[in-house]
C-alpha cells in the first residue's frame, strides 16, 4: 500500500512538471530526465497489471523526454497533466 502512494507522488510530480511547462517556466533538464526515466521504468514494471495505466506512464515518460528536446503543443501538456493528476489522486484513495 505504501508503494502505491509513493508511485502516486511520482505521478503528481510529473503532473506538476507538465503544468510548469504549460506556463513556460523552465525546469532543469536533468531533473526532468531523471523523473522521466523513473516514470518509464514504472510503466515497464507495472506492465504486467493494468495495461492502460502502464501505457499512460510510458507515454508520459516519452513525452517528458521529448519536452526536453522539442516544444510540445500545449494541448498535449494539458492532457498529460490531467491524466497524471487523476492517476496520482486515485492512488491515494
PDB file of N, CA and C in Angstrom:
ATOM      1  N   UNK A   1       0.809  -1.193   0.000  1.00  0.00           N
ATOM      2  CA  UNK A   1       0.000   0.000   0.000  1.00  0.00           C
ATOM      3  C   UNK A   1       0.855   1.260   0.000  1.00  0.00           C
ATOM      4  N   UNK A   2       1.972   1.216   0.710  1.00  0.00           N
ATOM      5  CA  UNK A   2       2.850   2.384   0.774  1.00  0.00           C
ATOM      6  C   UNK A   2       3.502   2.627  -0.579  1.00  0.00           C
ATOM      7  N   UNK A   3       3.835   1.546  -1.282  1.00  0.00           N
ATOM      8  CA  UNK A   3       4.451   1.692  -2.601  1.00  0.00           C
ATOM      9  C   UNK A   3       3.511   2.379  -3.577  1.00  0.00           C
ATOM     10  N   UNK A   4       2.223   2.081  -3.478  1.00  0.00           N
ATOM     11  CA  UNK A   4       1.243   2.723  -4.354  1.00  0.00           C
ATOM     12  C   UNK A   4       1.199   4.222  -4.098  1.00  0.00           C
ATOM     13  N   UNK A   5       1.293   4.610  -2.841  1.00  0.00           N
ATOM     14  CA  UNK A   5       1.283   6.043  -2.512  1.00  0.00           C
ATOM     15  C   UNK A   5       2.559   6.732  -2.989  1.00  0.00           C
ATOM     16  N   UNK A   6       3.690   6.047  -2.886  1.00  0.00           N
ATOM     17  CA  UNK A   6       4.954   6.628  -3.367  1.00  0.00           C
ATOM     18  C   UNK A   6       4.899   6.813  -4.878  1.00  0.00           C
ATOM     19  N   UNK A   7       4.371   5.823  -5.585  1.00  0.00           N
ATOM     20  CA  UNK A   7       4.248   5.947  -7.034  1.00  0.00           C
ATOM     21  C   UNK A   7       3.205   6.998  -7.412  1.00  0.00           C
ATOM     22  N   UNK A   8       2.202   7.186  -6.557  1.00  0.00           N
ATOM     23  CA  UNK A   8       1.239   8.264  -6.768  1.00  0.00           C
ATOM     24  C   UNK A   8       1.880   9.635  -6.632  1.00  0.00           C
ATOM     25  N   UNK A   9       2.813   9.763  -5.693  1.00  0.00           N
ATOM     26  CA  UNK A   9       3.558  11.018  -5.546  1.00  0.00           C
ATOM     27  C   UNK A   9       4.378  11.285  -6.803  1.00  0.00           C
ATOM     28  N   UNK A  10       4.961  10.227  -7.372  1.00  0.00           N
ATOM     29  CA  UNK A  10       5.704  10.373  -8.626  1.00  0.00           C
ATOM     30  C   UNK A  10       4.788  10.891  -9.734  1.00  0.00           C
ATOM     31  N   UNK A  11       3.569  10.365  -9.806  1.00  0.00           N
ATOM     32  CA  UNK A  11       2.610  10.845 -10.802  1.00  0.00           C
ATOM     33  C   UNK A  11       2.279  12.323 -10.590  1.00  0.00           C
ATOM     34  N   UNK A  12       2.111  12.728  -9.345  1.00  0.00           N
ATOM     35  CA  UNK A  12       1.806  14.129  -9.062  1.00  0.00           C
ATOM     36  C   UNK A  12       2.990  15.041  -9.392  1.00  0.00           C
ATOM     37  N   UNK A  13       4.201  14.570  -9.165  1.00  0.00           N
ATOM     38  CA  UNK A  13       5.387  15.359  -9.527  1.00  0.00           C
ATOM     39  C   UNK A  13       5.447  15.549 -11.040  1.00  0.00           C
ATOM     40  N   UNK A  14       5.143  14.488 -11.779  1.00  0.00           N
ATOM     41  CA  UNK A  14       5.127  14.589 -13.246  1.00  0.00           C
ATOM     42  C   UNK A  14       4.049  15.557 -13.695  1.00  0.00           C
ATOM     43  N   UNK A  15       2.887  15.527 -13.059  1.00  0.00           N
ATOM     44  CA  UNK A  15       1.818  16.463 -13.409  1.00  0.00           C
ATOM     45  C   UNK A  15       2.253  17.906 -13.152  1.00  0.00           C
ATOM     46  N   UNK A  16       2.953  18.138 -12.057  1.00  0.00           N
ATOM     47  CA  UNK A  16       3.444  19.482 -11.762  1.00  0.00           C
ATOM     48  C   UNK A  16       4.460  19.921 -12.818  1.00  0.00           C
ATOM     49  N   UNK A  17       5.325  19.002 -13.239  1.00  0.00           N
ATOM     50  CA  UNK A  17       6.306  19.348 -14.277  1.00  0.00           C
ATOM     51  C   UNK A  17       5.594  19.724 -15.569  1.00  0.00           C
ATOM     52  N   UNK A  18       4.568  18.957 -15.940  1.00  0.00           N
ATOM     53  CA  UNK A  18       3.815  19.295 -17.156  1.00  0.00           C
ATOM     54  C   UNK A  18       3.139  20.659 -17.024  1.00  0.00           C
ATOM     55  N   UNK A  19       2.533  20.937 -15.871  1.00  0.00           N
ATOM     56  CA  UNK A  19       1.863  22.227 -15.684  1.00  0.00           C
ATOM     57  C   UNK A  19       2.857  23.383 -15.699  1.00  0.00           C
ATOM     58  N   UNK A  20       4.028  23.172 -15.133  1.00  0.00           N
ATOM     59  CA  UNK A  20       5.057  24.210 -15.146  1.00  0.00           C
ATOM     60  C   UNK A  20       5.480  24.499 -16.588  1.00  0.00           C
ATOM     61  N   UNK A  21       5.582  23.450 -17.405  1.00  0.00           N
ATOM     62  CA  UNK A  21       5.951  23.646 -18.810  1.00  0.00           C
ATOM     63  C   UNK A  21       4.850  24.355 -19.586  1.00  0.00           C
ATOM     64  N   UNK A  22       3.585  24.132 -19.209  1.00  0.00           N
ATOM     65  CA  UNK A  22       2.484  24.832 -19.870  1.00  0.00           C
ATOM     66  C   UNK A  22       2.640  26.338 -19.699  1.00  0.00           C
ATOM     67  N   UNK A  23       3.036  26.766 -18.515  1.00  0.00           N
ATOM     68  CA  UNK A  23       3.145  28.189 -18.234  1.00  0.00           C
ATOM     69  C   UNK A  23       4.502  28.768 -18.589  1.00  0.00           C
ATOM     70  N   UNK A  24       5.343  27.983 -19.250  1.00  0.00           N
ATOM     71  CA  UNK A  24       6.578  28.499 -19.805  1.00  0.00           C
ATOM     72  C   UNK A  24       7.739  28.600 -18.846  1.00  0.00           C
ATOM     73  N   UNK A  25       7.634  27.989 -17.696  1.00  0.00           N
ATOM     74  CA  UNK A  25       8.730  28.024 -16.729  1.00  0.00           C
ATOM     75  C   UNK A  25       9.671  26.863 -17.050  1.00  0.00           C
ATOM     76  N   UNK A  26      10.942  27.154 -17.107  1.00  0.00           N
ATOM     77  CA  UNK A  26      11.931  26.139 -17.442  1.00  0.00           C
ATOM     78  C   UNK A  26      12.245  25.283 -16.218  1.00  0.00           C
ATOM     79  N   UNK A  27      12.242  23.986 -16.421  1.00  0.00           N
ATOM     80  CA  UNK A  27      12.622  23.031 -15.384  1.00  0.00           C
ATOM     81  C   UNK A  27      13.998  22.487 -15.767  1.00  0.00           C
ATOM     82  N   UNK A  28      14.889  22.300 -14.805  1.00  0.00           N
ATOM     83  CA  UNK A  28      16.211  21.746 -15.144  1.00  0.00           C
ATOM     84  C   UNK A  28      16.070  20.408 -15.873  1.00  0.00           C
ATOM     85  N   UNK A  29      16.748  20.297 -16.998  1.00  0.00           N
ATOM     86  CA  UNK A  29      16.533  19.137 -17.855  1.00  0.00           C
ATOM     87  C   UNK A  29      17.021  17.847 -17.224  1.00  0.00           C
ATOM     88  N   UNK A  30      18.004  17.910 -16.342  1.00  0.00           N
ATOM     89  CA  UNK A  30      18.465  16.691 -15.671  1.00  0.00           C
ATOM     90  C   UNK A  30      17.396  16.159 -14.713  1.00  0.00           C
ATOM     91  N   UNK A  31      16.677  17.053 -14.039  1.00  0.00           N
ATOM     92  CA  UNK A  31      15.590  16.629 -13.161  1.00  0.00           C
ATOM     93  C   UNK A  31      14.459  16.020 -13.974  1.00  0.00           C
ATOM     94  N   UNK A  32      14.130  16.649 -15.109  1.00  0.00           N
ATOM     95  CA  UNK A  32      13.071  16.121 -15.975  1.00  0.00           C
ATOM     96  C   UNK A  32      13.485  14.762 -16.531  1.00  0.00           C
ATOM     97  N   UNK A  33      14.727  14.625 -16.919  1.00  0.00           N
ATOM     98  CA  UNK A  33      15.206  13.356 -17.457  1.00  0.00           C
ATOM     99  C   UNK A  33      15.165  12.254 -16.392  1.00  0.00           C
ATOM    100  N   UNK A  34      15.558  12.579 -15.173  1.00  0.00           N
ATOM    101  CA  UNK A  34      15.531  11.601 -14.084  1.00  0.00           C
ATOM    102  C   UNK A  34      14.101  11.152 -13.790  1.00  0.00           C
ATOM    103  N   UNK A  35      13.180  12.101 -13.680  1.00  0.00           N
ATOM    104  CA  UNK A  35      11.781  11.774 -13.403  1.00  0.00           C
ATOM    105  C   UNK A  35      11.181  10.994 -14.569  1.00  0.00           C
ATOM    106  N   UNK A  36      11.538  11.365 -15.805  1.00  0.00           N
ATOM    107  CA  UNK A  36      11.014  10.652 -16.977  1.00  0.00           C
ATOM    108  C   UNK A  36      11.497   9.211 -16.998  1.00  0.00           C
ATOM    109  N   UNK A  37      12.745   8.987 -16.647  1.00  0.00           N
ATOM    110  CA  UNK A  37      13.259   7.623 -16.612  1.00  0.00           C
ATOM    111  C   UNK A  37      12.601   6.803 -15.507  1.00  0.00           C
ATOM    112  N   UNK A  38      12.370   7.420 -14.346  1.00  0.00           N
ATOM    113  CA  UNK A  38      11.648   6.728 -13.280  1.00  0.00           C
ATOM    114  C   UNK A  38      10.241   6.351 -13.723  1.00  0.00           C
ATOM    115  N   UNK A  39       9.585   7.275 -14.398  1.00  0.00           N
ATOM    116  CA  UNK A  39       8.222   7.027 -14.864  1.00  0.00           C
ATOM    117  C   UNK A  39       8.198   5.946 -15.936  1.00  0.00           C
ATOM    118  N   UNK A  40       9.181   5.970 -16.815  1.00  0.00           N
ATOM    119  CA  UNK A  40       9.269   4.957 -17.864  1.00  0.00           C
ATOM    120  C   UNK A  40       9.500   3.577 -17.247  1.00  0.00           C
ATOM    121  N   UNK A  41      10.381   3.500 -16.260  1.00  0.00           N
ATOM    122  CA  UNK A  41      10.618   2.228 -15.570  1.00  0.00           C
ATOM    123  C   UNK A  41       9.384   1.761 -14.812  1.00  0.00           C
ATOM    124  N   UNK A  42       8.649   2.708 -14.237  1.00  0.00           N
ATOM    125  CA  UNK A  42       7.401   2.370 -13.552  1.00  0.00           C
ATOM    126  C   UNK A  42       6.406   1.782 -14.537  1.00  0.00           C
ATOM    127  N   UNK A  43       6.334   2.345 -15.728  1.00  0.00           N
ATOM    128  CA  UNK A  43       5.435   1.826 -16.751  1.00  0.00           C
ATOM    129  C   UNK A  43       5.831   0.436 -17.206  1.00  0.00           C
ATOM    130  N   UNK A  44       7.122   0.170 -17.302  1.00  0.00           N
ATOM    131  CA  UNK A  44       7.575  -1.171 -17.687  1.00  0.00           C
ATOM    132  C   UNK A  44       7.366  -2.168 -16.556  1.00  0.00           C
ATOM    133  N   UNK A  45       7.562  -1.731 -15.314  1.00  0.00           N
ATOM    134  CA  UNK A  45       7.430  -2.606 -14.160  1.00  0.00           C
ATOM    135  C   UNK A  45       5.985  -3.037 -13.940  1.00  0.00           C
ATOM    136  N   UNK A  46       5.062  -2.141 -14.136  1.00  0.00           N
ATOM    137  CA  UNK A  46       3.657  -2.411 -13.866  1.00  0.00           C
ATOM    138  C   UNK A  46       2.952  -2.947 -15.108  1.00  0.00           C
ATOM    139  N   UNK A  47       3.679  -3.129 -16.190  1.00  0.00           N
ATOM    140  CA  UNK A  47       3.077  -3.554 -17.451  1.00  0.00           C
ATOM    141  C   UNK A  47       2.350  -4.883 -17.324  1.00  0.00           C
ATOM    142  N   UNK A  48       2.682  -5.675 -16.325  1.00  0.00           N
ATOM    143  CA  UNK A  48       2.007  -6.953 -16.133  1.00  0.00           C
ATOM    144  C   UNK A  48       0.567  -6.781 -15.680  1.00  0.00           C
ATOM    145  N   UNK A  49       0.265  -5.697 -15.002  1.00  0.00           N
ATOM    146  CA  UNK A  49      -1.063  -5.491 -14.418  1.00  0.00           C
ATOM    147  C   UNK A  49      -1.994  -4.723 -15.340  1.00  0.00           C
ATOM    148  N   UNK A  50      -2.248  -3.480 -15.005  1.00  0.00           N
ATOM    149  CA  UNK A  50      -3.165  -2.626 -15.763  1.00  0.00           C
ATOM    150  C   UNK A  50      -2.451  -2.080 -16.993  1.00  0.00           C
ATOM    151  N   UNK A  51      -2.854  -2.556 -18.168  1.00  0.00           N
ATOM    152  CA  UNK A  51      -2.164  -2.160 -19.390  1.00  0.00           C
ATOM    153  C   UNK A  51      -2.382  -0.688 -19.731  1.00  0.00           C
ATOM    154  N   UNK A  52      -3.608  -0.201 -19.561  1.00  0.00           N
ATOM    155  CA  UNK A  52      -3.901   1.185 -19.935  1.00  0.00           C
ATOM    156  C   UNK A  52      -3.101   2.151 -19.073  1.00  0.00           C
ATOM    157  N   UNK A  53      -3.067   1.905 -17.773  1.00  0.00           N
ATOM    158  CA  UNK A  53      -2.341   2.808 -16.880  1.00  0.00           C
ATOM    159  C   UNK A  53      -0.838   2.731 -17.112  1.00  0.00           C
ATOM    160  N   UNK A  54      -0.343   1.544 -17.457  1.00  0.00           N
ATOM    161  CA  UNK A  54       1.085   1.407 -17.751  1.00  0.00           C
ATOM    162  C   UNK A  54       1.452   2.154 -19.025  1.00  0.00           C
ATOM    163  N   UNK A  55       0.560   2.103 -20.006  1.00  0.00           N
ATOM    164  CA  UNK A  55       0.833   2.834 -21.247  1.00  0.00           C
ATOM    165  C   UNK A  55       0.793   4.340 -21.021  1.00  0.00           C
ATOM    166  N   UNK A  56      -0.063   4.796 -20.118  1.00  0.00           N
ATOM    167  CA  UNK A  56      -0.071   6.223 -19.789  1.00  0.00           C
ATOM    168  C   UNK A  56       1.272   6.621 -19.181  1.00  0.00           C
ATOM    169  N   UNK A  57       1.806   5.773 -18.293  1.00  0.00           N
ATOM    170  CA  UNK A  57       3.124   6.051 -17.704  1.00  0.00           C
ATOM    171  C   UNK A  57       4.206   6.055 -18.770  1.00  0.00           C
ATOM    172  N   UNK A  58       4.171   5.083 -19.679  1.00  0.00           N
ATOM    173  CA  UNK A  58       5.179   5.027 -20.737  1.00  0.00           C
ATOM    174  C   UNK A  58       5.110   6.258 -21.633  1.00  0.00           C
ATOM    175  N   UNK A  59       3.899   6.627 -22.039  1.00  0.00           N
ATOM    176  CA  UNK A  59       3.746   7.806 -22.893  1.00  0.00           C
ATOM    177  C   UNK A  59       4.134   9.083 -22.157  1.00  0.00           C
ATOM    178  N   UNK A  60       3.803   9.162 -20.872  1.00  0.00           N
ATOM    179  CA  UNK A  60       4.180  10.353 -20.104  1.00  0.00           C
ATOM    180  C   UNK A  60       5.695  10.478 -20.005  1.00  0.00           C
ATOM    181  N   UNK A  61       6.378   9.365 -19.821  1.00  0.00           N
ATOM    182  CA  UNK A  61       7.841   9.397 -19.785  1.00  0.00           C
ATOM    183  C   UNK A  61       8.434   9.795 -21.120  1.00  0.00           C
ATOM    184  N   UNK A  62       7.870   9.256 -22.197  1.00  0.00           N
ATOM    185  CA  UNK A  62       8.351   9.602 -23.541  1.00  0.00           C
ATOM    186  C   UNK A  62       8.104  11.078 -23.836  1.00  0.00           C
ATOM    187  N   UNK A  63       6.911  11.572 -23.470  1.00  0.00           N
ATOM    188  CA  UNK A  63       6.610  12.981 -23.720  1.00  0.00           C
ATOM    189  C   UNK A  63       7.481  13.902 -22.874  1.00  0.00           C
ATOM    190  N   UNK A  64       7.826  13.479 -21.666  1.00  0.00           N
ATOM    191  CA  UNK A  64       8.733  14.302 -20.856  1.00  0.00           C
ATOM    192  C   UNK A  64      10.107  14.400 -21.503  1.00  0.00           C
ATOM    193  N   UNK A  65      10.591  13.273 -22.021  1.00  0.00           N
ATOM    194  CA  UNK A  65      11.887  13.307 -22.705  1.00  0.00           C
ATOM    195  C   UNK A  65      11.798  14.158 -23.968  1.00  0.00           C
ATOM    196  N   UNK A  66      10.700  14.038 -24.694  1.00  0.00           N
ATOM    197  CA  UNK A  66      10.524  14.862 -25.894  1.00  0.00           C
ATOM    198  C   UNK A  66      10.400  16.345 -25.551  1.00  0.00           C
ATOM    199  N   UNK A  67       9.849  16.643 -24.366  1.00  0.00           N
ATOM    200  CA  UNK A  67       9.701  18.056 -23.986  1.00  0.00           C
ATOM    201  C   UNK A  67      11.048  18.700 -23.704  1.00  0.00           C
ATOM    202  N   UNK A  68      12.067  17.893 -23.428  1.00  0.00           N
ATOM    203  CA  UNK A  68      13.416  18.449 -23.274  1.00  0.00           C
ATOM    204  C   UNK A  68      13.955  18.862 -24.643  1.00  0.00           C
ATOM    205  N   UNK A  69      13.687  18.036 -25.641  1.00  0.00           N
ATOM    206  CA  UNK A  69      14.244  18.259 -26.973  1.00  0.00           C
ATOM    207  C   UNK A  69      13.427  19.228 -27.814  1.00  0.00           C
ATOM    208  N   UNK A  70      12.098  19.157 -27.699  1.00  0.00           N
ATOM    209  CA  UNK A  70      11.208  19.960 -28.537  1.00  0.00           C
ATOM    210  C   UNK A  70      10.211  20.710 -27.672  1.00  0.00           C
ATOM    211  N   UNK A  71       9.572  21.686 -28.277  1.00  0.00           N
ATOM    212  CA  UNK A  71       8.475  22.380 -27.618  1.00  0.00           C
ATOM    213  C   UNK A  71       7.182  21.668 -28.002  1.00  0.00           C
ATOM    214  N   UNK A  72       6.602  20.959 -27.057  1.00  0.00           N
ATOM    215  CA  UNK A  72       5.379  20.194 -27.337  1.00  0.00           C
ATOM    216  C   UNK A  72       4.180  21.120 -27.390  1.00  0.00           C
ATOM    217  N   UNK A  73       3.157  20.751 -28.153  1.00  0.00           N
ATOM    218  CA  UNK A  73       1.926  21.552 -28.177  1.00  0.00           C
ATOM    219  C   UNK A  73       1.287  21.618 -26.785  1.00  0.00           C
ATOM    220  N   UNK A  74       0.656  22.735 -26.513  1.00  0.00           N
ATOM    221  CA  UNK A  74       0.083  22.982 -25.193  1.00  0.00           C
ATOM    222  C   UNK A  74      -1.000  21.959 -24.853  1.00  0.00           C
ATOM    223  N   UNK A  75      -1.812  21.544 -25.835  1.00  0.00           N
ATOM    224  CA  UNK A  75      -2.895  20.621 -25.525  1.00  0.00           C
ATOM    225  C   UNK A  75      -2.353  19.263 -25.078  1.00  0.00           C
ATOM    226  N   UNK A  76      -1.206  18.836 -25.586  1.00  0.00           N
ATOM    227  CA  UNK A  76      -0.608  17.578 -25.135  1.00  0.00           C
ATOM    228  C   UNK A  76      -0.154  17.719 -23.684  1.00  0.00           C
ATOM    229  N   UNK A  77       0.432  18.856 -23.356  1.00  0.00           N
ATOM    230  CA  UNK A  77       0.870  19.074 -21.982  1.00  0.00           C
ATOM    231  C   UNK A  77      -0.310  19.098 -21.019  1.00  0.00           C
ATOM    232  N   UNK A  78      -1.415  19.743 -21.420  1.00  0.00           N
ATOM    233  CA  UNK A  78      -2.606  19.779 -20.573  1.00  0.00           C
ATOM    234  C   UNK A  78      -3.202  18.391 -20.394  1.00  0.00           C
ATOM    235  N   UNK A  79      -3.313  17.643 -21.476  1.00  0.00           N
ATOM    236  CA  UNK A  79      -3.892  16.301 -21.393  1.00  0.00           C
ATOM    237  C   UNK A  79      -3.053  15.410 -20.494  1.00  0.00           C
ATOM    238  N   UNK A  80      -1.745  15.437 -20.698  1.00  0.00           N
ATOM    239  CA  UNK A  80      -0.872  14.592 -19.884  1.00  0.00           C
ATOM    240  C   UNK A  80      -0.898  15.024 -18.416  1.00  0.00           C
ATOM    241  N   UNK A  81      -0.974  16.325 -18.162  1.00  0.00           N
ATOM    242  CA  UNK A  81      -1.010  16.774 -16.770  1.00  0.00           C
ATOM    243  C   UNK A  81      -2.307  16.331 -16.092  1.00  0.00           C
ATOM    244  N   UNK A  82      -3.438  16.415 -16.791  1.00  0.00           N
ATOM    245  CA  UNK A  82      -4.704  15.974 -16.194  1.00  0.00           C
ATOM    246  C   UNK A  82      -4.722  14.470 -15.966  1.00  0.00           C
ATOM    247  N   UNK A  83      -4.168  13.698 -16.902  1.00  0.00           N
ATOM    248  CA  UNK A  83      -4.098  12.247 -16.708  1.00  0.00           C
ATOM    249  C   UNK A  83      -3.235  11.892 -15.507  1.00  0.00           C
ATOM    250  N   UNK A  84      -2.111  12.562 -15.378  1.00  0.00           N
ATOM    251  CA  UNK A  84      -1.211  12.248 -14.270  1.00  0.00           C
ATOM    252  C   UNK A  84      -1.790  12.715 -12.925  1.00  0.00           C
ATOM    253  N   UNK A  85      -2.508  13.831 -12.922  1.00  0.00           N
ATOM    254  CA  UNK A  85      -3.178  14.268 -11.687  1.00  0.00           C
ATOM    255  C   UNK A  85      -4.221  13.246 -11.285  1.00  0.00           C
ATOM    256  N   UNK A  86      -4.994  12.757 -12.257  1.00  0.00           N
ATOM    257  CA  UNK A  86      -6.027  11.771 -11.951  1.00  0.00           C
ATOM    258  C   UNK A  86      -5.404  10.482 -11.401  1.00  0.00           C
ATOM    259  N   UNK A  87      -4.311  10.030 -12.024  1.00  0.00           N
ATOM    260  CA  UNK A  87      -3.648   8.825 -11.540  1.00  0.00           C
ATOM    261  C   UNK A  87      -3.086   9.032 -10.131  1.00  0.00           C
ATOM    262  N   UNK A  88      -2.510  10.194  -9.897  1.00  0.00           N
ATOM    263  CA  UNK A  88      -1.937  10.463  -8.577  1.00  0.00           C
ATOM    264  C   UNK A  88      -2.980  10.546  -7.486  1.00  0.00           C
ATOM    265  N   UNK A  89      -4.105  11.190  -7.785  1.00  0.00           N
ATOM    266  CA  UNK A  89      -5.165  11.331  -6.783  1.00  0.00           C
ATOM    267  C   UNK A  89      -5.807   9.972  -6.489  1.00  0.00           C
ATOM    268  N   UNK A  90      -6.034   9.173  -7.526  1.00  0.00           N
ATOM    269  CA  UNK A  90      -6.661   7.871  -7.323  1.00  0.00           C
ATOM    270  C   UNK A  90      -5.758   6.943  -6.518  1.00  0.00           C
ATOM    271  N   UNK A  91      -4.454   7.091  -6.647  1.00  0.00           N
ATOM    272  CA  UNK A  91      -3.552   6.218  -5.900  1.00  0.00           C
ATOM    273  C   UNK A  91      -3.589   6.501  -4.400  1.00  0.00           C
ATOM    274  N   UNK A  92      -4.119   7.654  -3.989  1.00  0.00           N
ATOM    275  CA  UNK A  92      -4.236   7.967  -2.567  1.00  0.00           C
ATOM    276  C   UNK A  92      -5.578   7.542  -1.987  1.00  0.00           C
ATOM    277  N   UNK A  93      -6.476   7.054  -2.809  1.00  0.00           N
ATOM    278  CA  UNK A  93      -7.801   6.633  -2.303  1.00  0.00           C
ATOM    279  C   UNK A  93      -7.792   5.193  -1.873  1.00  0.00           C
TER     280      UNK A  93
END
